[in-house]
Amino acid sequence: MEEEQSEFRCWDQLPPDVLGLIFINLSLQELLTVIPPVCKSWSKVVRGSHCWQDIDLIQWSIRWKPHQLDRMLRMLVTRSSGSLCSLHVAGLRNDSIFSFITENAGSLQVLRLSVSLISDSIVKQTAQRLSTLTFLDLTYCPKIGAQALEAIGKYCKLLETLCPNMMFLDVLGKVEAEDEANAIAGTMPRLKHLDLGFHLISTECVLNILPRCHQLERLIINVCVSVKLDRNFLTETYPYLEISLMTPVLSSDRF
């Protein structure tokens, strides 16, 4: 009997950081609804920062209404207590929630904000708070333009991956596509991975980016119909660059 008791583990007495490492393997729903009622110590852990250094709401973003998503984001980001390292969410509908995220993003390294309506102006105002970013995904964010990208390049000096993909309807009538490409070329020399899709950029824009983002290891260009590149030229000039092209490619054209 004594031997059995000695093997019994008091899970509620484990250090909070250890419990946090265990709990982060659970789903968001389990963290919010299953763990808290178990005991006071477990409830305290999930209400603290140990479980919220990485927040992934992508599965929930499509189910919730904007005000519900806003409320959940504010709650979880607040719980992170400035230790948030990674955030993945879709469908932000206003600038205020983005501003709130940046105010609490002192350690943020990975930020994925797909299908969001954040504006150029708010990114320009708050980019200095995102100086620790290494990965930024702005896929299908139609209000993001050259000013936002320039601010990101200016303040996010650690940025290595940028994904400013667009949808076809988002680029119709857009007149600053070349300015966006030039902003990337002019302010992001340390970029290693660049993913461009459905941008109305020209061949010249791409050829401007390549030598100025001299640390590029991978370039993805999808359905940029005005871009026509000579694969032989690219292979010879940038032998260490992996280029994925879903766009017209010429075999022998000269620039």
C-alpha atoms as a PDB file:
ATOM      1  CA  MET A   1       0.000   0.000   0.000  1.00  0.00           C
ATOM      2  CA  GLU A   2       2.815   2.391   0.905  1.00  0.00           C
ATOM      3  CA  GLU A   3       4.575   1.538  -2.358  1.00  0.00           C
ATOM      4  CA  GLU A   4       1.439   2.340  -4.330  1.00  0.00           C
ATOM      5  CA  GLN A   5       1.068   5.680  -2.543  1.00  0.00           C
ATOM      6  CA  SER A   6       4.698   6.579  -3.244  1.00  0.00           C
ATOM      7  CA  GLU A   7       4.054   6.135  -6.957  1.00  0.00           C
ATOM      8  CA  PHE A   8       1.036   8.411  -6.915  1.00  0.00           C
ATOM      9  CA  ARG A   9       1.764  11.739  -8.602  1.00  0.00           C
ATOM     10  CA  CYS A  10       0.182  14.976  -7.494  1.00  0.00           C
ATOM     11  CA  TRP A  11      -0.363  16.499 -10.907  1.00  0.00           C
ATOM     12  CA  ASP A  12      -1.902  19.607  -9.387  1.00  0.00           C
ATOM     13  CA  GLN A  13       1.381  20.320  -7.603  1.00  0.00           C
ATOM     14  CA  LEU A  14       3.574  20.374 -10.691  1.00  0.00           C
ATOM     15  CA  PRO A  15       5.292  23.725 -11.380  1.00  0.00           C
ATOM     16  CA  PRO A  16       3.216  26.038 -13.609  1.00  0.00           C
ATOM     17  CA  ASP A  17       5.813  26.030 -16.390  1.00  0.00           C
ATOM     18  CA  VAL A  18       5.766  22.213 -16.497  1.00  0.00           C
ATOM     19  CA  LEU A  19       1.964  22.129 -16.598  1.00  0.00           C
ATOM     20  CA  GLY A  20       2.089  24.738 -19.329  1.00  0.00           C
ATOM     21  CA  LEU A  21       4.350  22.530 -21.467  1.00  0.00           C
ATOM     22  CA  ILE A  22       1.834  19.714 -21.057  1.00  0.00           C
ATOM     23  CA  PHE A  23      -1.262  21.805 -21.685  1.00  0.00           C
ATOM     24  CA  ILE A  24      -0.029  23.416 -24.920  1.00  0.00           C
ATOM     25  CA  ASN A  25      -0.512  20.046 -26.605  1.00  0.00           C
ATOM     26  CA  LEU A  26      -4.257  20.321 -26.023  1.00  0.00           C
ATOM     27  CA  SER A  27      -6.803  21.964 -28.291  1.00  0.00           C
ATOM     28  CA  LEU A  28      -8.039  25.488 -27.674  1.00  0.00           C
ATOM     29  CA  GLN A  29     -11.434  24.181 -26.623  1.00  0.00           C
ATOM     30  CA  GLU A  30      -9.863  21.802 -24.095  1.00  0.00           C
ATOM     31  CA  LEU A  31      -7.714  24.573 -22.672  1.00  0.00           C
ATOM     32  CA  LEU A  32     -10.686  26.866 -22.193  1.00  0.00           C
ATOM     33  CA  THR A  33     -13.405  24.438 -21.114  1.00  0.00           C
ATOM     34  CA  VAL A  34     -11.916  21.141 -19.875  1.00  0.00           C
ATOM     35  CA  ILE A  35      -8.802  22.112 -17.912  1.00  0.00           C
ATOM     36  CA  PRO A  36     -10.069  25.025 -15.739  1.00  0.00           C
ATOM     37  CA  PRO A  37     -12.717  23.031 -13.788  1.00  0.00           C
ATOM     38  CA  VAL A  38     -10.269  20.249 -12.848  1.00  0.00           C
ATOM     39  CA  CYS A  39      -8.618  22.105  -9.966  1.00  0.00           C
ATOM     40  CA  LYS A  40      -7.547  25.586  -8.896  1.00  0.00           C
ATOM     41  CA  SER A  41      -3.886  25.125  -9.821  1.00  0.00           C
ATOM     42  CA  TRP A  42      -4.737  23.983 -13.361  1.00  0.00           C
ATOM     43  CA  SER A  43      -7.208  26.816 -13.776  1.00  0.00           C
ATOM     44  CA  LYS A  44      -4.547  29.285 -12.651  1.00  0.00           C
ATOM     45  CA  VAL A  45      -2.057  27.938 -15.206  1.00  0.00           C
ATOM     46  CA  VAL A  46      -4.394  28.312 -18.191  1.00  0.00           C
ATOM     47  CA  ARG A  47      -5.301  31.811 -17.050  1.00  0.00           C
ATOM     48  CA  GLY A  48      -1.638  32.768 -16.977  1.00  0.00           C
ATOM     49  CA  SER A  49       0.961  33.188 -19.696  1.00  0.00           C
ATOM     50  CA  HIS A  50       2.338  29.623 -19.762  1.00  0.00           C
ATOM     51  CA  CYS A  51      -0.186  28.334 -22.323  1.00  0.00           C
ATOM     52  CA  TRP A  52      -0.401  31.371 -24.563  1.00  0.00           C
ATOM     53  CA  GLN A  53       2.991  31.972 -26.107  1.00  0.00           C
ATOM     54  CA  ASP A  54       1.631  30.454 -29.319  1.00  0.00           C
ATOM     55  CA  ILE A  55      -1.970  31.281 -30.229  1.00  0.00           C
ATOM     56  CA  ASP A  56      -3.607  29.608 -33.232  1.00  0.00           C
ATOM     57  CA  LEU A  57      -7.187  30.710 -33.908  1.00  0.00           C
ATOM     58  CA  ILE A  58      -7.312  29.851 -37.602  1.00  0.00           C
ATOM     59  CA  GLN A  59      -9.810  26.994 -37.141  1.00  0.00           C
ATOM     60  CA  TRP A  60     -12.067  29.215 -35.061  1.00  0.00           C
ATOM     61  CA  SER A  61     -11.768  32.365 -37.136  1.00  0.00           C
ATOM     62  CA  ILE A  62     -14.185  31.150 -39.800  1.00  0.00           C
ATOM     63  CA  ARG A  63     -16.803  30.109 -37.235  1.00  0.00           C
ATOM     64  CA  TRP A  64     -16.959  33.175 -35.051  1.00  0.00           C
ATOM     65  CA  LYS A  65     -18.556  36.506 -35.732  1.00  0.00           C
ATOM     66  CA  PRO A  66     -16.116  39.458 -35.796  1.00  0.00           C
ATOM     67  CA  HIS A  67     -17.019  40.680 -32.305  1.00  0.00           C
ATOM     68  CA  GLN A  68     -16.546  37.174 -30.871  1.00  0.00           C
ATOM     69  CA  LEU A  69     -13.146  36.828 -32.520  1.00  0.00           C
ATOM     70  CA  ASP A  70     -12.170  40.267 -31.268  1.00  0.00           C
ATOM     71  CA  ARG A  71     -13.152  39.372 -27.708  1.00  0.00           C
ATOM     72  CA  MET A  72     -11.326  36.027 -27.780  1.00  0.00           C
ATOM     73  CA  LEU A  73      -8.166  37.617 -29.182  1.00  0.00           C
ATOM     74  CA  ARG A  74      -8.125  40.294 -26.510  1.00  0.00           C
ATOM     75  CA  MET A  75      -8.571  37.713 -23.766  1.00  0.00           C
ATOM     76  CA  LEU A  76      -5.845  35.350 -24.968  1.00  0.00           C
ATOM     77  CA  VAL A  77      -3.327  38.045 -25.907  1.00  0.00           C
ATOM     78  CA  THR A  78      -3.847  39.610 -22.479  1.00  0.00           C
ATOM     79  CA  ARG A  79      -3.197  36.234 -20.857  1.00  0.00           C
ATOM     80  CA  SER A  80       0.100  35.953 -22.731  1.00  0.00           C
ATOM     81  CA  SER A  81       1.389  38.888 -20.644  1.00  0.00           C
ATOM     82  CA  GLY A  82       3.810  40.050 -23.309  1.00  0.00           C
ATOM     83  CA  SER A  83       5.283  36.580 -23.926  1.00  0.00           C
ATOM     84  CA  LEU A  84       3.353  35.961 -27.162  1.00  0.00           C
ATOM     85  CA  CYS A  85       5.718  34.480 -29.786  1.00  0.00           C
ATOM     86  CA  SER A  86       3.351  33.265 -32.510  1.00  0.00           C
ATOM     87  CA  LEU A  87      -0.147  34.329 -33.585  1.00  0.00           C
ATOM     88  CA  HIS A  88      -2.217  32.794 -36.378  1.00  0.00           C
ATOM     89  CA  VAL A  89      -5.644  34.285 -37.030  1.00  0.00           C
ATOM     90  CA  ALA A  90      -7.851  35.198 -39.962  1.00  0.00           C
ATOM     91  CA  GLY A  91     -10.597  37.712 -40.533  1.00  0.00           C
ATOM     92  CA  LEU A  92      -9.604  40.739 -38.473  1.00  0.00           C
ATOM     93  CA  ARG A  93     -12.182  43.380 -39.323  1.00  0.00           C
ATOM     94  CA  ASN A  94     -10.805  46.566 -37.819  1.00  0.00           C
ATOM     95  CA  ASP A  95      -7.628  48.434 -36.995  1.00  0.00           C
ATOM     96  CA  SER A  96      -8.220  48.609 -33.259  1.00  0.00           C
ATOM     97  CA  ILE A  97      -7.682  44.894 -32.674  1.00  0.00           C
ATOM     98  CA  PHE A  98      -4.448  44.994 -34.690  1.00  0.00           C
ATOM     99  CA  SER A  99      -3.266  47.940 -32.630  1.00  0.00           C
ATOM    100  CA  PHE A 100      -4.098  46.008 -29.460  1.00  0.00           C
ATOM    101  CA  ILE A 101      -2.064  43.023 -30.681  1.00  0.00           C
ATOM    102  CA  THR A 102       0.978  45.180 -31.396  1.00  0.00           C
ATOM    103  CA  GLU A 103       0.751  46.802 -27.964  1.00  0.00           C
ATOM    104  CA  ASN A 104       1.182  43.362 -26.428  1.00  0.00           C
ATOM    105  CA  ALA A 105       3.627  41.924 -28.955  1.00  0.00           C
ATOM    106  CA  GLY A 106       7.013  42.618 -27.433  1.00  0.00           C
ATOM    107  CA  SER A 107       8.176  39.052 -28.140  1.00  0.00           C
ATOM    108  CA  LEU A 108       6.157  38.307 -31.288  1.00  0.00           C
ATOM    109  CA  GLN A 109       8.161  36.481 -33.931  1.00  0.00           C
ATOM    110  CA  VAL A 110       5.536  34.840 -36.187  1.00  0.00           C
ATOM    111  CA  LEU A 111       2.414  36.718 -37.285  1.00  0.00           C
ATOM    112  CA  ARG A 112      -0.149  35.312 -39.708  1.00  0.00           C
ATOM    113  CA  LEU A 113      -3.085  37.615 -40.476  1.00  0.00           C
ATOM    114  CA  SER A 114      -4.838  36.211 -43.524  1.00  0.00           C
ATOM    115  CA  VAL A 115      -8.045  37.641 -44.988  1.00  0.00           C
ATOM    116  CA  SER A 116      -7.941  40.701 -42.738  1.00  0.00           C
ATOM    117  CA  LEU A 117      -9.042  44.292 -43.290  1.00  0.00           C
ATOM    118  CA  ILE A 118      -6.283  46.057 -41.403  1.00  0.00           C
ATOM    119  CA  SER A 119      -5.235  49.276 -43.099  1.00  0.00           C
ATOM    120  CA  ASP A 120      -2.020  50.745 -44.410  1.00  0.00           C
ATOM    121  CA  SER A 121      -2.224  53.556 -41.867  1.00  0.00           C
ATOM    122  CA  ILE A 122      -2.475  51.358 -38.752  1.00  0.00           C
ATOM    123  CA  VAL A 123       0.437  49.199 -39.860  1.00  0.00           C
ATOM    124  CA  LYS A 124       2.474  52.341 -40.516  1.00  0.00           C
ATOM    125  CA  GLN A 125       1.600  53.673 -37.042  1.00  0.00           C
ATOM    126  CA  THR A 126       2.384  50.474 -35.144  1.00  0.00           C
ATOM    127  CA  ALA A 127       5.143  48.731 -37.128  1.00  0.00           C
ATOM    128  CA  GLN A 128       7.819  49.869 -34.669  1.00  0.00           C
ATOM    129  CA  ARG A 129       6.213  47.596 -32.057  1.00  0.00           C
ATOM    130  CA  LEU A 130       6.867  44.547 -34.239  1.00  0.00           C
ATOM    131  CA  SER A 131      10.649  44.754 -34.265  1.00  0.00           C
ATOM    132  CA  THR A 132      11.043  41.081 -33.228  1.00  0.00           C
ATOM    133  CA  LEU A 133       9.105  39.680 -36.213  1.00  0.00           C
ATOM    134  CA  THR A 134      10.854  37.076 -38.362  1.00  0.00           C
ATOM    135  CA  PHE A 135       7.778  35.748 -40.246  1.00  0.00           C
ATOM    136  CA  LEU A 136       4.844  37.807 -41.558  1.00  0.00           C
ATOM    137  CA  ASP A 137       1.915  36.468 -43.572  1.00  0.00           C
ATOM    138  CA  LEU A 138      -0.471  39.102 -44.958  1.00  0.00           C
ATOM    139  CA  THR A 139      -2.232  36.832 -47.453  1.00  0.00           C
ATOM    140  CA  TYR A 140      -5.467  38.325 -48.808  1.00  0.00           C
ATOM    141  CA  CYS A 141      -5.202  41.578 -46.851  1.00  0.00           C
ATOM    142  CA  PRO A 142      -6.499  43.949 -49.567  1.00  0.00           C
ATOM    143  CA  LYS A 143      -5.904  47.210 -47.684  1.00  0.00           C
ATOM    144  CA  ILE A 144      -2.192  46.588 -47.207  1.00  0.00           C
ATOM    145  CA  GLY A 145      -0.052  48.578 -49.631  1.00  0.00           C
ATOM    146  CA  ALA A 146       3.324  50.169 -50.159  1.00  0.00           C
ATOM    147  CA  GLN A 147       3.246  52.366 -47.063  1.00  0.00           C
ATOM    148  CA  ALA A 148       2.641  49.416 -44.761  1.00  0.00           C
ATOM    149  CA  LEU A 149       5.340  47.312 -46.418  1.00  0.00           C
ATOM    150  CA  GLU A 150       7.826  50.164 -46.235  1.00  0.00           C
ATOM    151  CA  ALA A 151       7.119  50.626 -42.505  1.00  0.00           C
ATOM    152  CA  ILE A 152       7.501  46.901 -41.916  1.00  0.00           C
ATOM    153  CA  GLY A 153      10.823  46.909 -43.722  1.00  0.00           C
ATOM    154  CA  LYS A 154      11.981  49.948 -41.786  1.00  0.00           C
ATOM    155  CA  TYR A 155      11.223  48.609 -38.307  1.00  0.00           C
ATOM    156  CA  CYS A 156      11.218  44.812 -38.657  1.00  0.00           C
ATOM    157  CA  LYS A 157      14.919  44.302 -39.306  1.00  0.00           C
ATOM    158  CA  LEU A 158      14.789  40.612 -38.321  1.00  0.00           C
ATOM    159  CA  LEU A 159      12.129  39.764 -40.905  1.00  0.00           C
ATOM    160  CA  GLU A 160      13.080  36.727 -42.984  1.00  0.00           C
ATOM    161  CA  THR A 161       9.764  35.572 -44.497  1.00  0.00           C
ATOM    162  CA  LEU A 162       7.096  37.758 -46.093  1.00  0.00           C
ATOM    163  CA  CYS A 163       3.876  36.530 -47.738  1.00  0.00           C
ATOM    164  CA  PRO A 164       1.818  39.453 -49.096  1.00  0.00           C
ATOM    165  CA  ASN A 165      -0.324  37.332 -51.438  1.00  0.00           C
ATOM    166  CA  MET A 166      -3.477  38.810 -52.920  1.00  0.00           C
ATOM    167  CA  MET A 167      -6.685  37.551 -54.492  1.00  0.00           C
ATOM    168  CA  PHE A 168      -7.421  38.389 -58.120  1.00  0.00           C
ATOM    169  CA  LEU A 169     -10.334  40.708 -57.321  1.00  0.00           C
ATOM    170  CA  ASP A 170      -8.262  42.576 -54.730  1.00  0.00           C
ATOM    171  CA  VAL A 171      -5.680  43.760 -57.251  1.00  0.00           C
ATOM    172  CA  LEU A 172      -8.121  44.993 -59.881  1.00  0.00           C
ATOM    173  CA  GLY A 173      -7.764  48.740 -60.147  1.00  0.00           C
ATOM    174  CA  LYS A 174      -4.836  48.839 -57.750  1.00  0.00           C
ATOM    175  CA  VAL A 175      -2.273  51.363 -58.974  1.00  0.00           C
ATOM    176  CA  GLU A 176       0.574  50.973 -56.480  1.00  0.00           C
ATOM    177  CA  ALA A 177       1.682  47.423 -57.199  1.00  0.00           C
ATOM    178  CA  GLU A 178       5.114  48.541 -58.373  1.00  0.00           C
ATOM    179  CA  ASP A 179       5.448  50.772 -55.305  1.00  0.00           C
ATOM    180  CA  GLU A 180       4.833  47.710 -53.131  1.00  0.00           C
ATOM    181  CA  ALA A 181       7.549  45.757 -54.909  1.00  0.00           C
ATOM    182  CA  ASN A 182       9.922  48.692 -54.625  1.00  0.00           C
ATOM    183  CA  ALA A 183       9.145  48.995 -50.902  1.00  0.00           C
ATOM    184  CA  ILE A 184      10.175  45.368 -50.443  1.00  0.00           C
ATOM    185  CA  ALA A 185      13.322  45.831 -52.487  1.00  0.00           C
ATOM    186  CA  GLY A 186      14.299  49.048 -50.742  1.00  0.00           C
ATOM    187  CA  THR A 187      13.711  48.118 -47.097  1.00  0.00           C
ATOM    188  CA  MET A 188      14.078  44.329 -46.685  1.00  0.00           C
ATOM    189  CA  PRO A 189      17.658  43.378 -47.594  1.00  0.00           C
ATOM    190  CA  ARG A 190      17.691  40.467 -45.111  1.00  0.00           C
ATOM    191  CA  LEU A 191      14.595  38.779 -46.517  1.00  0.00           C
ATOM    192  CA  LYS A 192      15.108  35.059 -47.167  1.00  0.00           C
ATOM    193  CA  HIS A 193      11.655  33.919 -48.307  1.00  0.00           C
ATOM    194  CA  LEU A 194       9.239  35.984 -50.397  1.00  0.00           C
ATOM    195  CA  ASP A 195       5.867  34.732 -51.582  1.00  0.00           C
ATOM    196  CA  LEU A 196       4.056  36.875 -54.172  1.00  0.00           C
ATOM    197  CA  GLY A 197       0.738  35.905 -55.666  1.00  0.00           C
ATOM    198  CA  PHE A 198      -1.704  37.782 -57.913  1.00  0.00           C
ATOM    199  CA  HIS A 199       0.341  40.990 -57.862  1.00  0.00           C
ATOM    200  CA  LEU A 200       0.237  43.377 -60.805  1.00  0.00           C
ATOM    201  CA  ILE A 201       3.996  43.733 -60.779  1.00  0.00           C
ATOM    202  CA  SER A 202       6.267  43.817 -63.792  1.00  0.00           C
ATOM    203  CA  THR A 203       9.343  41.846 -64.733  1.00  0.00           C
ATOM    204  CA  GLU A 204      11.413  44.911 -63.858  1.00  0.00           C
ATOM    205  CA  CYS A 205      10.006  44.871 -60.316  1.00  0.00           C
ATOM    206  CA  VAL A 206      11.177  41.312 -59.770  1.00  0.00           C
ATOM    207  CA  LEU A 207      14.586  42.087 -61.218  1.00  0.00           C
ATOM    208  CA  ASN A 208      14.798  45.026 -58.812  1.00  0.00           C
ATOM    209  CA  ILE A 209      13.982  42.837 -55.806  1.00  0.00           C
ATOM    210  CA  LEU A 210      16.468  40.048 -56.550  1.00  0.00           C
ATOM    211  CA  PRO A 211      19.787  41.936 -56.261  1.00  0.00           C
ATOM    212  CA  ARG A 212      18.639  44.174 -53.408  1.00  0.00           C
ATOM    213  CA  CYS A 213      17.213  41.357 -51.280  1.00  0.00           C
ATOM    214  CA  HIS A 214      20.543  39.624 -51.650  1.00  0.00           C
ATOM    215  CA  GLN A 215      19.897  37.028 -48.920  1.00  0.00           C
ATOM    216  CA  LEU A 216      16.854  35.571 -50.667  1.00  0.00           C
ATOM    217  CA  GLU A 217      16.796  31.789 -50.623  1.00  0.00           C
ATOM    218  CA  ARG A 218      13.303  31.204 -51.996  1.00  0.00           C
ATOM    219  CA  LEU A 219      11.058  33.291 -54.241  1.00  0.00           C
ATOM    220  CA  ILE A 220       7.522  32.216 -55.124  1.00  0.00           C
ATOM    221  CA  ILE A 221       5.734  34.100 -57.909  1.00  0.00           C
ATOM    222  CA  ASN A 222       2.201  32.873 -58.574  1.00  0.00           C
ATOM    223  CA  VAL A 223      -0.024  34.188 -61.355  1.00  0.00           C
ATOM    224  CA  CYS A 224       1.699  37.539 -61.761  1.00  0.00           C
ATOM    225  CA  VAL A 225       0.718  37.796 -65.409  1.00  0.00           C
ATOM    226  CA  SER A 226       3.020  40.705 -66.281  1.00  0.00           C
ATOM    227  CA  VAL A 227       6.118  38.883 -65.064  1.00  0.00           C
ATOM    228  CA  LYS A 228       8.113  37.072 -67.752  1.00  0.00           C
ATOM    229  CA  LEU A 229      11.428  35.637 -66.635  1.00  0.00           C
ATOM    230  CA  ASP A 230      14.256  33.847 -68.385  1.00  0.00           C
ATOM    231  CA  ARG A 231      14.883  30.695 -66.346  1.00  0.00           C
ATOM    232  CA  ASN A 232      18.421  30.296 -67.723  1.00  0.00           C
ATOM    233  CA  PHE A 233      19.261  33.832 -66.670  1.00  0.00           C
ATOM    234  CA  LEU A 234      17.912  33.222 -63.183  1.00  0.00           C
ATOM    235  CA  THR A 235      19.787  29.960 -62.763  1.00  0.00           C
ATOM    236  CA  GLU A 236      23.071  31.477 -63.876  1.00  0.00           C
ATOM    237  CA  THR A 237      22.758  34.742 -61.960  1.00  0.00           C
ATOM    238  CA  TYR A 238      21.199  33.392 -58.748  1.00  0.00           C
ATOM    239  CA  PRO A 239      22.351  29.758 -58.490  1.00  0.00           C
ATOM    240  CA  TYR A 240      21.490  29.451 -54.801  1.00  0.00           C
ATOM    241  CA  LEU A 241      18.000  30.881 -55.142  1.00  0.00           C
ATOM    242  CA  GLU A 242      15.028  28.519 -55.271  1.00  0.00           C
ATOM    243  CA  ILE A 243      12.390  30.060 -57.535  1.00  0.00           C
ATOM    244  CA  SER A 244       8.876  28.724 -57.928  1.00  0.00           C
ATOM    245  CA  LEU A 245       7.054  30.209 -60.891  1.00  0.00           C
ATOM    246  CA  MET A 246       3.413  29.869 -61.836  1.00  0.00           C
ATOM    247  CA  THR A 247       3.647  32.551 -64.484  1.00  0.00           C
ATOM    248  CA  PRO A 248       4.791  32.785 -68.133  1.00  0.00           C
ATOM    249  CA  VAL A 249       8.442  31.744 -68.334  1.00  0.00           C
ATOM    250  CA  LEU A 250      10.607  32.358 -71.386  1.00  0.00           C
ATOM    251  CA  SER A 251      13.485  30.122 -72.333  1.00  0.00           C
ATOM    252  CA  SER A 252      15.750  32.558 -74.129  1.00  0.00           C
ATOM    253  CA  ASP A 253      14.428  36.117 -73.784  1.00  0.00           C
ATOM    254  CA  ARG A 254      16.972  38.773 -72.846  1.00  0.00           C
ATOM    255  CA  PHE A 255      16.289  41.702 -70.592  1.00  0.00           C
END
